[in-house]
Amino acid sequence: DKSQMHKNRVKPGPGQESVWDYPRPPRVESSSKRIKIVYNNEVIADTTNAKRILETSHPPVYYIPQSDISKQFFQPTNHSTYCEWKGMASYYTIKVGDKSVVNGAWYYTKPTKGFEDIKDHIAVYPGKMQECFVDEEKVVAQEGDFYGGWITSDIVGPFKGGQGT
């Protein structure tokens, strides 16, 4: 339960952010950190021009410009979902060699007002990738199949998505 998680919040140390200080509704901000995504031993995305979405109780979700992904590994699917904040999401299956992740990446062709900055950007589920990095730090994925949060040492929780949340 969210109020229990909020009570158990970790106090951020120097250089850290608490997900409980993130806003609701969420906000988009630019990130100059290097975001790198590896799947089946192939770098499928590498950028220093990502956007990140910050939302109360969630680790950030990074959105990579389409110009910085290896498009040959991303195949459109018919799957879609609706987000109350960002609008209708479309999905890609990520296929590299003999491995694939169905609906492993998503994007918004017409994001709602306030989220226009993520148009032409793609997000992935870090837990379904081989490795994801923020700068040179390996990311820990947010728990739960529904969320795509990226946990690094500078982000403290507790995070929504684990058992009982």
N, C-alpha and C. Protein backbone atom coordinates (compact mmCIF):
# COMPACT_ATOMS: atom_id res chain seq x y z
N ASP A 1 0.85 -1.19 0.00
CA ASP A 1 0.00 0.00 0.00
C ASP A 1 0.89 1.25 0.00
N LYS A 2 0.43 2.23 -0.75
CA LYS A 2 1.26 3.41 -1.02
C LYS A 2 1.59 4.22 0.23
N SER A 3 0.64 4.35 1.16
CA SER A 3 0.93 5.14 2.36
C SER A 3 2.00 4.45 3.21
N GLN A 4 1.98 3.12 3.25
CA GLN A 4 3.00 2.36 3.98
C GLN A 4 4.36 2.55 3.31
N MET A 5 4.39 2.51 1.97
CA MET A 5 5.65 2.72 1.26
C MET A 5 6.19 4.11 1.54
N HIS A 6 5.29 5.10 1.57
CA HIS A 6 5.72 6.48 1.80
C HIS A 6 6.33 6.61 3.20
N LYS A 7 5.73 5.91 4.19
CA LYS A 7 6.25 5.93 5.55
C LYS A 7 7.65 5.31 5.63
N ASN A 8 7.89 4.31 4.77
CA ASN A 8 9.17 3.60 4.76
C ASN A 8 10.18 4.22 3.81
N ARG A 9 9.91 5.43 3.36
CA ARG A 9 10.78 6.04 2.35
C ARG A 9 12.21 6.17 2.86
N VAL A 10 13.14 6.00 1.95
CA VAL A 10 14.56 6.11 2.24
C VAL A 10 14.96 7.57 2.09
N LYS A 11 15.68 8.09 3.07
CA LYS A 11 16.13 9.49 2.98
C LYS A 11 17.27 9.56 1.97
N PRO A 12 17.14 10.42 0.96
CA PRO A 12 18.21 10.50 -0.04
C PRO A 12 19.48 11.08 0.55
N GLY A 13 20.60 10.50 0.17
CA GLY A 13 21.91 11.01 0.58
C GLY A 13 22.39 12.05 -0.43
N PRO A 14 23.60 12.55 -0.26
CA PRO A 14 24.15 13.52 -1.21
C PRO A 14 24.16 12.96 -2.63
N GLY A 15 23.63 13.73 -3.58
CA GLY A 15 23.62 13.30 -4.97
C GLY A 15 22.55 12.29 -5.32
N GLN A 16 21.66 12.00 -4.36
CA GLN A 16 20.58 11.04 -4.62
C GLN A 16 19.24 11.74 -4.75
N GLU A 17 18.31 11.06 -5.42
CA GLU A 17 16.92 11.54 -5.54
C GLU A 17 16.00 10.50 -4.93
N SER A 18 14.94 10.95 -4.26
CA SER A 18 13.90 10.03 -3.79
C SER A 18 12.75 10.06 -4.77
N VAL A 19 12.25 8.87 -5.11
CA VAL A 19 11.09 8.81 -6.01
C VAL A 19 9.85 9.42 -5.35
N TRP A 20 9.91 9.61 -4.02
CA TRP A 20 8.77 10.22 -3.32
C TRP A 20 8.78 11.74 -3.45
N ASP A 21 9.87 12.30 -4.01
CA ASP A 21 9.91 13.73 -4.30
C ASP A 21 9.53 14.01 -5.75
N TYR A 22 9.32 12.95 -6.54
CA TYR A 22 8.89 13.13 -7.92
C TYR A 22 7.42 13.55 -7.95
N PRO A 23 7.00 14.25 -9.00
CA PRO A 23 5.64 14.81 -9.03
C PRO A 23 4.58 13.81 -9.50
N ARG A 24 3.35 14.15 -9.23
CA ARG A 24 2.17 13.50 -9.80
C ARG A 24 1.18 14.61 -10.09
N PRO A 25 0.76 14.86 -11.32
CA PRO A 25 1.15 14.09 -12.50
C PRO A 25 2.64 14.15 -12.79
N PRO A 26 3.13 13.15 -13.54
CA PRO A 26 4.56 13.08 -13.82
C PRO A 26 5.04 14.23 -14.69
N ARG A 27 6.37 14.38 -14.75
CA ARG A 27 6.94 15.39 -15.65
C ARG A 27 8.04 14.76 -16.49
N VAL A 28 8.30 15.41 -17.63
CA VAL A 28 9.36 14.99 -18.55
C VAL A 28 10.53 15.94 -18.38
N GLU A 29 11.74 15.40 -18.34
CA GLU A 29 12.90 16.26 -18.35
C GLU A 29 14.00 15.65 -19.21
N SER A 30 14.86 16.51 -19.73
CA SER A 30 15.98 16.06 -20.55
C SER A 30 17.07 15.48 -19.65
N SER A 31 17.80 14.51 -20.19
CA SER A 31 18.92 13.93 -19.47
C SER A 31 20.12 13.88 -20.41
N SER A 32 21.26 14.35 -19.93
CA SER A 32 22.49 14.29 -20.73
C SER A 32 23.32 13.06 -20.35
N LYS A 33 22.80 12.24 -19.43
CA LYS A 33 23.52 11.02 -19.07
C LYS A 33 23.55 10.07 -20.27
N ARG A 34 24.59 9.26 -20.34
CA ARG A 34 24.67 8.31 -21.44
C ARG A 34 23.81 7.10 -21.13
N ILE A 35 22.85 6.83 -21.99
CA ILE A 35 21.94 5.70 -21.85
C ILE A 35 22.32 4.68 -22.91
N LYS A 36 22.61 3.47 -22.46
CA LYS A 36 23.01 2.41 -23.39
C LYS A 36 22.19 1.15 -23.08
N ILE A 37 21.68 0.52 -24.14
CA ILE A 37 20.86 -0.68 -24.00
C ILE A 37 21.49 -1.80 -24.83
N VAL A 38 21.69 -2.95 -24.17
CA VAL A 38 22.29 -4.11 -24.83
C VAL A 38 21.29 -5.26 -24.79
N TYR A 39 21.10 -5.91 -25.95
CA TYR A 39 20.24 -7.10 -26.02
C TYR A 39 20.93 -8.13 -26.91
N ASN A 40 21.05 -9.34 -26.42
CA ASN A 40 21.69 -10.44 -27.15
C ASN A 40 23.07 -10.01 -27.69
N ASN A 41 23.85 -9.39 -26.81
CA ASN A 41 25.22 -8.94 -27.09
C ASN A 41 25.33 -7.85 -28.15
N GLU A 42 24.23 -7.18 -28.44
CA GLU A 42 24.22 -6.10 -29.43
C GLU A 42 23.78 -4.80 -28.75
N VAL A 43 24.50 -3.71 -28.99
CA VAL A 43 24.05 -2.41 -28.48
C VAL A 43 22.92 -1.95 -29.41
N ILE A 44 21.71 -1.88 -28.86
CA ILE A 44 20.55 -1.52 -29.69
C ILE A 44 20.15 -0.06 -29.53
N ALA A 45 20.72 0.60 -28.52
CA ALA A 45 20.45 2.03 -28.32
C ALA A 45 21.60 2.63 -27.52
N ASP A 46 21.98 3.87 -27.90
CA ASP A 46 23.07 4.55 -27.22
C ASP A 46 22.86 6.05 -27.44
N THR A 47 22.64 6.80 -26.37
CA THR A 47 22.33 8.22 -26.52
C THR A 47 22.80 9.03 -25.33
N THR A 48 23.02 10.30 -25.55
CA THR A 48 23.20 11.27 -24.46
C THR A 48 22.11 12.34 -24.57
N ASN A 49 21.04 12.01 -25.30
CA ASN A 49 19.93 12.94 -25.51
C ASN A 49 18.58 12.36 -25.09
N ALA A 50 18.59 11.55 -24.04
CA ALA A 50 17.35 10.91 -23.60
C ALA A 50 16.44 11.91 -22.88
N LYS A 51 15.20 11.53 -22.75
CA LYS A 51 14.24 12.19 -21.87
C LYS A 51 13.96 11.19 -20.76
N ARG A 52 13.63 11.69 -19.58
CA ARG A 52 13.19 10.77 -18.53
C ARG A 52 11.89 11.29 -17.96
N ILE A 53 11.04 10.35 -17.60
CA ILE A 53 9.76 10.69 -16.98
C ILE A 53 9.88 10.35 -15.50
N LEU A 54 9.53 11.34 -14.68
CA LEU A 54 9.59 11.21 -13.23
C LEU A 54 8.18 11.23 -12.69
N GLU A 55 7.83 10.20 -11.92
CA GLU A 55 6.50 10.09 -11.34
C GLU A 55 6.61 9.56 -9.93
N THR A 56 5.83 10.12 -9.02
CA THR A 56 5.82 9.71 -7.61
C THR A 56 5.84 8.19 -7.48
N SER A 57 6.76 7.70 -6.68
CA SER A 57 6.91 6.28 -6.29
C SER A 57 7.54 5.40 -7.36
N HIS A 58 7.86 5.96 -8.52
CA HIS A 58 8.44 5.18 -9.61
C HIS A 58 9.86 5.62 -9.92
N PRO A 59 10.77 4.64 -10.16
CA PRO A 59 12.08 5.05 -10.69
C PRO A 59 11.88 5.66 -12.09
N PRO A 60 12.82 6.48 -12.55
CA PRO A 60 12.66 7.12 -13.86
C PRO A 60 12.52 6.10 -14.99
N VAL A 61 11.79 6.48 -16.01
CA VAL A 61 11.74 5.72 -17.26
C VAL A 61 12.44 6.58 -18.30
N TYR A 62 13.43 5.99 -18.97
CA TYR A 62 14.19 6.72 -19.99
C TYR A 62 13.60 6.48 -21.37
N TYR A 63 13.48 7.56 -22.13
CA TYR A 63 12.98 7.53 -23.51
C TYR A 63 14.13 7.96 -24.42
N ILE A 64 14.46 7.11 -25.38
CA ILE A 64 15.61 7.32 -26.25
C ILE A 64 15.10 7.83 -27.61
N PRO A 65 15.76 8.86 -28.15
CA PRO A 65 15.35 9.35 -29.47
C PRO A 65 15.47 8.22 -30.51
N GLN A 66 14.49 8.14 -31.41
CA GLN A 66 14.53 7.10 -32.44
C GLN A 66 15.80 7.19 -33.26
N SER A 67 16.36 8.38 -33.40
CA SER A 67 17.59 8.54 -34.17
C SER A 67 18.79 7.87 -33.50
N ASP A 68 18.67 7.50 -32.22
CA ASP A 68 19.77 6.88 -31.48
C ASP A 68 19.53 5.40 -31.16
N ILE A 69 18.54 4.81 -31.83
CA ILE A 69 18.33 3.36 -31.67
C ILE A 69 18.70 2.68 -32.99
N SER A 70 19.03 1.41 -32.90
CA SER A 70 19.31 0.61 -34.11
C SER A 70 17.98 0.05 -34.59
N LYS A 71 17.34 0.78 -35.51
CA LYS A 71 15.96 0.51 -35.92
C LYS A 71 15.74 -0.90 -36.47
N GLN A 72 16.80 -1.49 -37.04
CA GLN A 72 16.62 -2.82 -37.65
C GLN A 72 16.22 -3.87 -36.63
N PHE A 73 16.41 -3.58 -35.33
CA PHE A 73 16.07 -4.54 -34.29
C PHE A 73 14.67 -4.33 -33.70
N PHE A 74 13.96 -3.31 -34.17
CA PHE A 74 12.65 -2.95 -33.62
C PHE A 74 11.56 -3.18 -34.67
N GLN A 75 10.64 -4.09 -34.37
CA GLN A 75 9.57 -4.43 -35.30
C GLN A 75 8.23 -4.03 -34.70
N PRO A 76 7.45 -3.18 -35.41
CA PRO A 76 6.15 -2.74 -34.87
C PRO A 76 5.21 -3.92 -34.63
N THR A 77 4.40 -3.81 -33.57
CA THR A 77 3.37 -4.82 -33.29
C THR A 77 2.01 -4.11 -33.30
N ASN A 78 0.96 -4.91 -33.16
CA ASN A 78 -0.39 -4.33 -33.10
C ASN A 78 -0.82 -3.99 -31.68
N HIS A 79 0.05 -4.28 -30.72
CA HIS A 79 -0.29 -4.06 -29.30
C HIS A 79 -0.33 -2.57 -28.98
N SER A 80 -1.28 -2.18 -28.13
CA SER A 80 -1.30 -0.80 -27.64
C SER A 80 -1.86 -0.78 -26.23
N THR A 81 -1.49 0.25 -25.48
CA THR A 81 -2.02 0.44 -24.13
C THR A 81 -2.30 1.93 -23.96
N TYR A 82 -3.07 2.25 -22.94
CA TYR A 82 -3.42 3.64 -22.69
C TYR A 82 -2.86 4.07 -21.33
N CYS A 83 -2.19 5.21 -21.32
CA CYS A 83 -1.69 5.80 -20.08
C CYS A 83 -2.51 7.05 -19.78
N GLU A 84 -2.98 7.16 -18.55
CA GLU A 84 -3.82 8.32 -18.20
C GLU A 84 -3.08 9.63 -18.38
N TRP A 85 -1.74 9.62 -18.34
CA TRP A 85 -0.96 10.86 -18.47
C TRP A 85 -0.46 11.09 -19.88
N LYS A 86 0.07 10.04 -20.51
CA LYS A 86 0.78 10.23 -21.78
C LYS A 86 -0.04 9.90 -23.01
N GLY A 87 -1.15 9.18 -22.84
CA GLY A 87 -1.99 8.84 -23.99
C GLY A 87 -1.79 7.41 -24.45
N MET A 88 -2.01 7.16 -25.75
CA MET A 88 -1.98 5.82 -26.32
C MET A 88 -0.55 5.44 -26.72
N ALA A 89 -0.09 4.31 -26.19
CA ALA A 89 1.25 3.81 -26.50
C ALA A 89 1.17 2.70 -27.54
N SER A 90 2.12 2.69 -28.45
CA SER A 90 2.29 1.61 -29.42
C SER A 90 3.58 0.87 -29.04
N TYR A 91 3.74 -0.34 -29.58
CA TYR A 91 4.83 -1.21 -29.13
C TYR A 91 5.67 -1.76 -30.28
N TYR A 92 6.89 -2.14 -29.91
CA TYR A 92 7.80 -2.85 -30.81
C TYR A 92 8.19 -4.17 -30.17
N THR A 93 8.39 -5.18 -31.01
CA THR A 93 9.11 -6.37 -30.60
C THR A 93 10.56 -6.11 -30.92
N ILE A 94 11.43 -6.44 -29.99
CA ILE A 94 12.87 -6.28 -30.20
C ILE A 94 13.41 -7.66 -30.57
N LYS A 95 14.05 -7.73 -31.75
CA LYS A 95 14.59 -9.00 -32.23
C LYS A 95 16.04 -8.80 -32.64
N VAL A 96 16.92 -9.56 -31.98
CA VAL A 96 18.36 -9.52 -32.29
C VAL A 96 18.80 -10.97 -32.44
N GLY A 97 19.21 -11.35 -33.64
CA GLY A 97 19.64 -12.73 -33.89
C GLY A 97 18.49 -13.69 -33.61
N ASP A 98 18.75 -14.69 -32.76
CA ASP A 98 17.74 -15.72 -32.47
C ASP A 98 16.88 -15.40 -31.25
N LYS A 99 17.04 -14.20 -30.69
CA LYS A 99 16.27 -13.84 -29.48
C LYS A 99 15.33 -12.68 -29.76
N SER A 100 14.18 -12.70 -29.10
CA SER A 100 13.26 -11.57 -29.24
C SER A 100 12.46 -11.35 -27.97
N VAL A 101 12.01 -10.12 -27.81
CA VAL A 101 11.14 -9.74 -26.70
C VAL A 101 9.90 -9.11 -27.32
N VAL A 102 8.79 -9.82 -27.26
CA VAL A 102 7.54 -9.32 -27.83
C VAL A 102 7.08 -8.12 -27.00
N ASN A 103 6.74 -7.02 -27.66
CA ASN A 103 6.28 -5.80 -27.00
C ASN A 103 7.26 -5.33 -25.93
N GLY A 104 8.55 -5.43 -26.21
CA GLY A 104 9.59 -5.06 -25.26
C GLY A 104 9.92 -3.59 -25.23
N ALA A 105 9.38 -2.83 -26.20
CA ALA A 105 9.62 -1.39 -26.26
C ALA A 105 8.32 -0.69 -26.60
N TRP A 106 8.17 0.55 -26.15
CA TRP A 106 6.95 1.29 -26.46
C TRP A 106 7.26 2.74 -26.78
N TYR A 107 6.28 3.39 -27.40
CA TYR A 107 6.44 4.78 -27.83
C TYR A 107 5.07 5.42 -27.99
N TYR A 108 5.07 6.74 -28.03
CA TYR A 108 3.83 7.51 -28.19
C TYR A 108 3.93 8.33 -29.47
N THR A 109 3.04 8.05 -30.44
CA THR A 109 3.07 8.83 -31.68
C THR A 109 2.44 10.20 -31.48
N LYS A 110 1.45 10.26 -30.57
CA LYS A 110 0.77 11.53 -30.27
C LYS A 110 0.63 11.69 -28.77
N PRO A 111 1.75 11.95 -28.07
CA PRO A 111 1.63 12.10 -26.61
C PRO A 111 0.76 13.29 -26.25
N THR A 112 0.14 13.21 -25.10
CA THR A 112 -0.77 14.27 -24.66
C THR A 112 0.01 15.52 -24.26
N LYS A 113 -0.74 16.60 -24.06
CA LYS A 113 -0.15 17.89 -23.70
C LYS A 113 0.72 17.75 -22.45
N GLY A 114 1.90 18.32 -22.51
CA GLY A 114 2.85 18.22 -21.42
C GLY A 114 3.88 17.12 -21.62
N PHE A 115 3.59 16.19 -22.55
CA PHE A 115 4.49 15.07 -22.81
C PHE A 115 4.98 15.04 -24.25
N GLU A 116 4.83 16.18 -24.94
CA GLU A 116 5.22 16.25 -26.35
C GLU A 116 6.70 15.91 -26.55
N ASP A 117 7.52 16.15 -25.54
CA ASP A 117 8.97 15.91 -25.66
C ASP A 117 9.33 14.44 -25.87
N ILE A 118 8.40 13.51 -25.57
CA ILE A 118 8.73 12.09 -25.78
C ILE A 118 8.27 11.58 -27.14
N LYS A 119 7.66 12.45 -27.95
CA LYS A 119 7.31 12.04 -29.32
C LYS A 119 8.61 11.66 -30.02
N ASP A 120 8.56 10.63 -30.85
CA ASP A 120 9.74 10.13 -31.57
C ASP A 120 10.83 9.60 -30.63
N HIS A 121 10.43 9.15 -29.44
CA HIS A 121 11.33 8.51 -28.48
C HIS A 121 10.78 7.12 -28.12
N ILE A 122 11.66 6.21 -27.76
CA ILE A 122 11.28 4.84 -27.45
C ILE A 122 11.77 4.48 -26.05
N ALA A 123 10.94 3.77 -25.30
CA ALA A 123 11.31 3.26 -23.98
C ALA A 123 11.34 1.73 -24.04
N VAL A 124 12.17 1.12 -23.19
CA VAL A 124 12.23 -0.34 -23.11
C VAL A 124 12.04 -0.78 -21.66
N TYR A 125 11.68 -2.05 -21.49
CA TYR A 125 11.65 -2.65 -20.16
C TYR A 125 13.06 -3.12 -19.84
N PRO A 126 13.77 -2.45 -18.92
CA PRO A 126 15.16 -2.84 -18.67
C PRO A 126 15.32 -4.29 -18.20
N GLY A 127 14.31 -4.81 -17.50
CA GLY A 127 14.39 -6.18 -17.01
C GLY A 127 14.32 -7.23 -18.12
N LYS A 128 13.89 -6.81 -19.32
CA LYS A 128 13.80 -7.76 -20.44
C LYS A 128 15.01 -7.64 -21.37
N MET A 129 15.89 -6.71 -21.06
CA MET A 129 17.10 -6.53 -21.86
C MET A 129 18.25 -7.31 -21.22
N GLN A 130 19.33 -7.48 -21.96
CA GLN A 130 20.53 -8.12 -21.38
C GLN A 130 21.14 -7.20 -20.33
N GLU A 131 21.35 -5.94 -20.71
CA GLU A 131 21.89 -4.94 -19.80
C GLU A 131 21.45 -3.55 -20.25
N CYS A 132 21.21 -2.68 -19.28
CA CYS A 132 20.97 -1.27 -19.55
C CYS A 132 21.90 -0.48 -18.64
N PHE A 133 22.39 0.65 -19.15
CA PHE A 133 23.33 1.46 -18.39
C PHE A 133 22.89 2.92 -18.37
N VAL A 134 23.09 3.57 -17.22
CA VAL A 134 22.98 5.02 -17.11
C VAL A 134 24.40 5.48 -16.76
N ASP A 135 24.99 6.26 -17.66
CA ASP A 135 26.42 6.49 -17.64
C ASP A 135 27.06 5.10 -17.65
N GLU A 136 27.94 4.77 -16.77
CA GLU A 136 28.52 3.41 -16.85
C GLU A 136 27.93 2.47 -15.80
N GLU A 137 26.86 2.90 -15.12
CA GLU A 137 26.26 2.07 -14.07
C GLU A 137 25.18 1.16 -14.64
N LYS A 138 25.30 -0.13 -14.32
CA LYS A 138 24.30 -1.11 -14.76
C LYS A 138 22.99 -0.89 -13.98
N VAL A 139 21.90 -0.87 -14.70
CA VAL A 139 20.58 -0.58 -14.14
C VAL A 139 19.96 -1.84 -13.53
N VAL A 140 19.23 -1.65 -12.43
CA VAL A 140 18.37 -2.68 -11.86
C VAL A 140 16.95 -2.33 -12.30
N ALA A 141 16.21 -3.30 -12.81
CA ALA A 141 14.86 -3.05 -13.30
C ALA A 141 13.88 -2.92 -12.15
N GLN A 142 12.88 -2.04 -12.33
CA GLN A 142 11.77 -1.94 -11.39
C GLN A 142 11.00 -3.26 -11.42
N GLU A 143 10.59 -3.72 -10.24
CA GLU A 143 9.84 -4.97 -10.17
C GLU A 143 8.47 -4.82 -10.83
N GLY A 144 7.95 -5.93 -11.32
CA GLY A 144 6.61 -5.93 -11.93
C GLY A 144 6.71 -5.82 -13.44
N ASP A 145 5.87 -6.56 -14.15
CA ASP A 145 5.92 -6.58 -15.61
C ASP A 145 5.34 -5.33 -16.24
N PHE A 146 4.59 -4.57 -15.48
CA PHE A 146 3.88 -3.43 -16.05
C PHE A 146 4.75 -2.18 -16.14
N TYR A 147 5.75 -2.09 -15.27
CA TYR A 147 6.53 -0.85 -15.16
C TYR A 147 7.88 -0.97 -15.85
N GLY A 148 8.40 0.15 -16.31
CA GLY A 148 9.68 0.15 -17.01
C GLY A 148 10.71 1.02 -16.35
N GLY A 149 10.68 1.13 -15.02
CA GLY A 149 11.59 2.03 -14.32
C GLY A 149 13.02 1.53 -14.29
N TRP A 150 13.94 2.48 -14.27
CA TRP A 150 15.38 2.22 -14.24
C TRP A 150 15.91 2.62 -12.87
N ILE A 151 16.42 1.65 -12.10
CA ILE A 151 16.93 1.94 -10.76
C ILE A 151 18.46 1.98 -10.81
N THR A 152 19.01 3.09 -10.33
CA THR A 152 20.46 3.26 -10.22
C THR A 152 20.76 3.69 -8.79
N SER A 153 22.04 3.74 -8.43
CA SER A 153 22.43 4.02 -7.05
C SER A 153 22.04 5.42 -6.59
N ASP A 154 21.73 6.32 -7.52
CA ASP A 154 21.35 7.69 -7.13
C ASP A 154 19.84 7.86 -6.97
N ILE A 155 19.07 6.75 -7.07
CA ILE A 155 17.62 6.79 -6.92
C ILE A 155 17.25 5.93 -5.71
N VAL A 156 16.48 6.50 -4.76
CA VAL A 156 16.04 5.73 -3.59
C VAL A 156 14.52 5.65 -3.53
N GLY A 157 14.01 4.60 -2.89
CA GLY A 157 12.58 4.31 -2.83
C GLY A 157 12.03 4.40 -1.42
N PRO A 158 11.15 3.45 -1.10
CA PRO A 158 10.80 2.23 -1.82
C PRO A 158 10.04 2.53 -3.12
N PHE A 159 10.06 1.56 -4.05
CA PHE A 159 9.49 1.74 -5.38
C PHE A 159 8.18 0.98 -5.53
N LYS A 160 7.26 1.59 -6.25
CA LYS A 160 6.03 0.90 -6.61
C LYS A 160 6.40 -0.22 -7.59
N GLY A 161 5.67 -1.35 -7.51
CA GLY A 161 5.89 -2.42 -8.48
C GLY A 161 6.29 -3.73 -7.83
N GLY A 162 6.81 -3.67 -6.61
CA GLY A 162 7.19 -4.91 -5.91
C GLY A 162 5.96 -5.60 -5.35
N GLN A 163 6.15 -6.75 -4.74
CA GLN A 163 5.04 -7.48 -4.14
C GLN A 163 4.34 -6.61 -3.12
N GLY A 164 3.01 -6.60 -3.19
CA GLY A 164 2.22 -5.88 -2.22
C GLY A 164 2.08 -4.38 -2.50
N THR A 165 2.56 -3.94 -3.67
CA THR A 165 2.43 -2.51 -3.98
C THR A 165 1.42 -2.28 -5.09
